[in-house]
């Protein structure tokens, strides 16, 4: 267990939904509910509330992906609106459900890094 992980490593651990300190324990108790502390190293996650940041980042990332696809489908002229929606709506929902836990883990990890006291 590394007692002082680098910021990049801690952020990557957050993206993988692991403890930003040890990288072993799970960051979430369920889909989006963070644990109170790491089961492996006992690092506390109390007060690390990601709030709306992960949702905004997820919406931005999904929009950057889905809107160009919708323009491509529309400009091709081969598909009816209903078919386009049958493609775009499930893709949008799937991307949001996939990215939201990752961005929330990243934000919690970033908040954990910001809350750490520098070594004296």
C-alpha atoms as a PDB file:
ATOM      1  CA  UNK A   1       0.000   0.000   0.000  1.00  0.00           C
ATOM      2  CA  UNK A   2       1.452   3.336  -1.024  1.00  0.00           C
ATOM      3  CA  UNK A   3       1.103   5.840   1.838  1.00  0.00           C
ATOM      4  CA  UNK A   4       1.392   8.880  -0.441  1.00  0.00           C
ATOM      5  CA  UNK A   5      -0.078   8.229  -3.910  1.00  0.00           C
ATOM      6  CA  UNK A   6       0.585  10.722  -6.674  1.00  0.00           C
ATOM      7  CA  UNK A   7      -2.298  12.994  -7.737  1.00  0.00           C
ATOM      8  CA  UNK A   8      -2.535  11.275 -11.123  1.00  0.00           C
ATOM      9  CA  UNK A   9      -2.671   7.847  -9.548  1.00  0.00           C
ATOM     10  CA  UNK A  10      -5.330   8.971  -7.061  1.00  0.00           C
ATOM     11  CA  UNK A  11      -7.483  10.452  -9.844  1.00  0.00           C
ATOM     12  CA  UNK A  12      -7.129   7.270 -11.912  1.00  0.00           C
ATOM     13  CA  UNK A  13      -8.162   5.218  -8.890  1.00  0.00           C
ATOM     14  CA  UNK A  14     -11.255   7.397  -8.600  1.00  0.00           C
ATOM     15  CA  UNK A  15     -12.072   6.754 -12.262  1.00  0.00           C
ATOM     16  CA  UNK A  16     -11.856   3.022 -11.572  1.00  0.00           C
ATOM     17  CA  UNK A  17     -14.148   3.491  -8.526  1.00  0.00           C
ATOM     18  CA  UNK A  18     -11.449   2.443  -6.061  1.00  0.00           C
ATOM     19  CA  UNK A  19     -10.174   4.168  -2.942  1.00  0.00           C
ATOM     20  CA  UNK A  20      -7.953   7.121  -3.954  1.00  0.00           C
ATOM     21  CA  UNK A  21      -5.571   6.351  -1.088  1.00  0.00           C
ATOM     22  CA  UNK A  22      -4.866   2.612  -1.387  1.00  0.00           C
ATOM     23  CA  UNK A  23      -6.511   1.620  -4.673  1.00  0.00           C
ATOM     24  CA  UNK A  24      -7.832  -1.588  -3.094  1.00  0.00           C
ATOM     25  CA  UNK A  25     -11.149  -0.773  -1.422  1.00  0.00           C
ATOM     26  CA  UNK A  26     -14.318   0.069  -3.311  1.00  0.00           C
ATOM     27  CA  UNK A  27     -15.315   3.734  -3.402  1.00  0.00           C
ATOM     28  CA  UNK A  28     -19.061   3.073  -3.737  1.00  0.00           C
ATOM     29  CA  UNK A  29     -21.425   1.007  -1.597  1.00  0.00           C
ATOM     30  CA  UNK A  30     -23.920   0.880  -4.479  1.00  0.00           C
ATOM     31  CA  UNK A  31     -24.289   2.407  -7.951  1.00  0.00           C
ATOM     32  CA  UNK A  32     -23.711   6.050  -6.880  1.00  0.00           C
ATOM     33  CA  UNK A  33     -23.665   5.920  -3.062  1.00  0.00           C
ATOM     34  CA  UNK A  34     -20.142   6.486  -1.742  1.00  0.00           C
ATOM     35  CA  UNK A  35     -18.901   4.509   1.250  1.00  0.00           C
ATOM     36  CA  UNK A  36     -18.229   6.284   4.524  1.00  0.00           C
ATOM     37  CA  UNK A  37     -14.678   4.908   4.545  1.00  0.00           C
ATOM     38  CA  UNK A  38     -12.446   2.462   2.705  1.00  0.00           C
ATOM     39  CA  UNK A  39     -12.852  -1.140   3.862  1.00  0.00           C
ATOM     40  CA  UNK A  40      -9.171  -1.806   3.132  1.00  0.00           C
ATOM     41  CA  UNK A  41      -7.220   1.191   4.511  1.00  0.00           C
ATOM     42  CA  UNK A  42      -9.989   2.866   6.586  1.00  0.00           C
ATOM     43  CA  UNK A  43      -9.530   6.231   4.809  1.00  0.00           C
ATOM     44  CA  UNK A  44     -12.581   8.381   5.536  1.00  0.00           C
ATOM     45  CA  UNK A  45     -14.650   9.763   2.669  1.00  0.00           C
ATOM     46  CA  UNK A  46     -16.854  11.845   4.969  1.00  0.00           C
ATOM     47  CA  UNK A  47     -17.505  15.341   3.668  1.00  0.00           C
ATOM     48  CA  UNK A  48     -16.454  14.526   0.101  1.00  0.00           C
ATOM     49  CA  UNK A  49     -19.727  15.446  -1.581  1.00  0.00           C
ATOM     50  CA  UNK A  50     -19.379  15.578  -5.358  1.00  0.00           C
ATOM     51  CA  UNK A  51     -22.811  17.261  -5.694  1.00  0.00           C
ATOM     52  CA  UNK A  52     -23.641  18.288  -9.299  1.00  0.00           C
ATOM     53  CA  UNK A  53     -20.151  18.262 -10.823  1.00  0.00           C
ATOM     54  CA  UNK A  54     -20.228  14.663 -12.088  1.00  0.00           C
ATOM     55  CA  UNK A  55     -23.664  15.155 -13.639  1.00  0.00           C
ATOM     56  CA  UNK A  56     -22.538  18.264 -15.541  1.00  0.00           C
ATOM     57  CA  UNK A  57     -19.390  16.537 -16.789  1.00  0.00           C
ATOM     58  CA  UNK A  58     -21.408  13.492 -17.856  1.00  0.00           C
ATOM     59  CA  UNK A  59     -23.977  15.619 -19.703  1.00  0.00           C
ATOM     60  CA  UNK A  60     -21.172  17.435 -21.528  1.00  0.00           C
ATOM     61  CA  UNK A  61     -19.404  14.229 -22.539  1.00  0.00           C
ATOM     62  CA  UNK A  62     -22.606  12.538 -23.700  1.00  0.00           C
ATOM     63  CA  UNK A  63     -23.671  15.633 -25.648  1.00  0.00           C
ATOM     64  CA  UNK A  64     -20.318  15.792 -27.436  1.00  0.00           C
ATOM     65  CA  UNK A  65     -20.828  12.158 -28.454  1.00  0.00           C
ATOM     66  CA  UNK A  66     -24.540  11.988 -29.271  1.00  0.00           C
ATOM     67  CA  UNK A  67     -25.250  15.309 -31.020  1.00  0.00           C
ATOM     68  CA  UNK A  68     -22.752  14.744 -33.868  1.00  0.00           C
ATOM     69  CA  UNK A  69     -24.176  11.245 -34.335  1.00  0.00           C
ATOM     70  CA  UNK A  70     -27.669  12.708 -34.553  1.00  0.00           C
ATOM     71  CA  UNK A  71     -26.495  15.256 -37.144  1.00  0.00           C
ATOM     72  CA  UNK A  72     -24.866  12.483 -39.189  1.00  0.00           C
ATOM     73  CA  UNK A  73     -28.012  10.354 -39.073  1.00  0.00           C
ATOM     74  CA  UNK A  74     -30.199  13.334 -39.982  1.00  0.00           C
ATOM     75  CA  UNK A  75     -27.993  14.571 -42.810  1.00  0.00           C
ATOM     76  CA  UNK A  76     -27.804  11.130 -44.402  1.00  0.00           C
ATOM     77  CA  UNK A  77     -31.554  11.262 -45.032  1.00  0.00           C
ATOM     78  CA  UNK A  78     -31.813   7.477 -44.938  1.00  0.00           C
ATOM     79  CA  UNK A  79     -33.594   7.123 -41.622  1.00  0.00           C
ATOM     80  CA  UNK A  80     -37.020   8.136 -40.367  1.00  0.00           C
ATOM     81  CA  UNK A  81     -37.160  10.218 -37.181  1.00  0.00           C
ATOM     82  CA  UNK A  82     -38.461   7.227 -35.229  1.00  0.00           C
ATOM     83  CA  UNK A  83     -35.468   5.119 -36.271  1.00  0.00           C
ATOM     84  CA  UNK A  84     -33.077   7.921 -35.349  1.00  0.00           C
ATOM     85  CA  UNK A  85     -34.662   8.153 -31.913  1.00  0.00           C
ATOM     86  CA  UNK A  86     -34.492   4.373 -31.499  1.00  0.00           C
ATOM     87  CA  UNK A  87     -30.738   4.708 -32.027  1.00  0.00           C
ATOM     88  CA  UNK A  88     -30.005   7.937 -30.145  1.00  0.00           C
ATOM     89  CA  UNK A  89     -32.194   7.607 -27.032  1.00  0.00           C
ATOM     90  CA  UNK A  90     -30.900   4.184 -25.871  1.00  0.00           C
ATOM     91  CA  UNK A  91     -27.337   5.260 -26.677  1.00  0.00           C
ATOM     92  CA  UNK A  92     -27.769   8.415 -24.591  1.00  0.00           C
ATOM     93  CA  UNK A  93     -29.200   6.496 -21.639  1.00  0.00           C
ATOM     94  CA  UNK A  94     -26.457   3.853 -21.833  1.00  0.00           C
ATOM     95  CA  UNK A  95     -23.684   6.456 -21.972  1.00  0.00           C
ATOM     96  CA  UNK A  96     -25.094   8.376 -18.999  1.00  0.00           C
ATOM     97  CA  UNK A  97     -25.436   5.204 -16.923  1.00  0.00           C
ATOM     98  CA  UNK A  98     -21.898   4.161 -17.856  1.00  0.00           C
ATOM     99  CA  UNK A  99     -20.154   7.509 -17.348  1.00  0.00           C
ATOM    100  CA  UNK A 100     -21.878   8.847 -14.230  1.00  0.00           C
ATOM    101  CA  UNK A 101     -20.209   6.484 -11.707  1.00  0.00           C
ATOM    102  CA  UNK A 102     -16.832   7.081 -13.366  1.00  0.00           C
ATOM    103  CA  UNK A 103     -17.105  10.860 -13.206  1.00  0.00           C
ATOM    104  CA  UNK A 104     -18.419  10.734  -9.641  1.00  0.00           C
ATOM    105  CA  UNK A 105     -15.446   8.582  -8.625  1.00  0.00           C
ATOM    106  CA  UNK A 106     -13.124  11.061 -10.326  1.00  0.00           C
ATOM    107  CA  UNK A 107     -14.729  14.011  -8.518  1.00  0.00           C
ATOM    108  CA  UNK A 108     -14.617  12.280  -5.120  1.00  0.00           C
ATOM    109  CA  UNK A 109     -10.962  11.454  -5.711  1.00  0.00           C
ATOM    110  CA  UNK A 110     -10.230  15.077  -6.665  1.00  0.00           C
ATOM    111  CA  UNK A 111     -12.030  16.309  -3.542  1.00  0.00           C
ATOM    112  CA  UNK A 112     -10.044  13.810  -1.465  1.00  0.00           C
ATOM    113  CA  UNK A 113      -6.802  15.179  -2.933  1.00  0.00           C
ATOM    114  CA  UNK A 114      -7.843  18.765  -2.203  1.00  0.00           C
ATOM    115  CA  UNK A 115      -8.781  17.913   1.386  1.00  0.00           C
ATOM    116  CA  UNK A 116      -5.404  16.357   2.230  1.00  0.00           C
ATOM    117  CA  UNK A 117      -3.026  18.309   4.388  1.00  0.00           C
ATOM    118  CA  UNK A 118       0.482  18.818   2.968  1.00  0.00           C
ATOM    119  CA  UNK A 119       3.212  16.910   4.799  1.00  0.00           C
ATOM    120  CA  UNK A 120       5.024  19.092   7.311  1.00  0.00           C
END
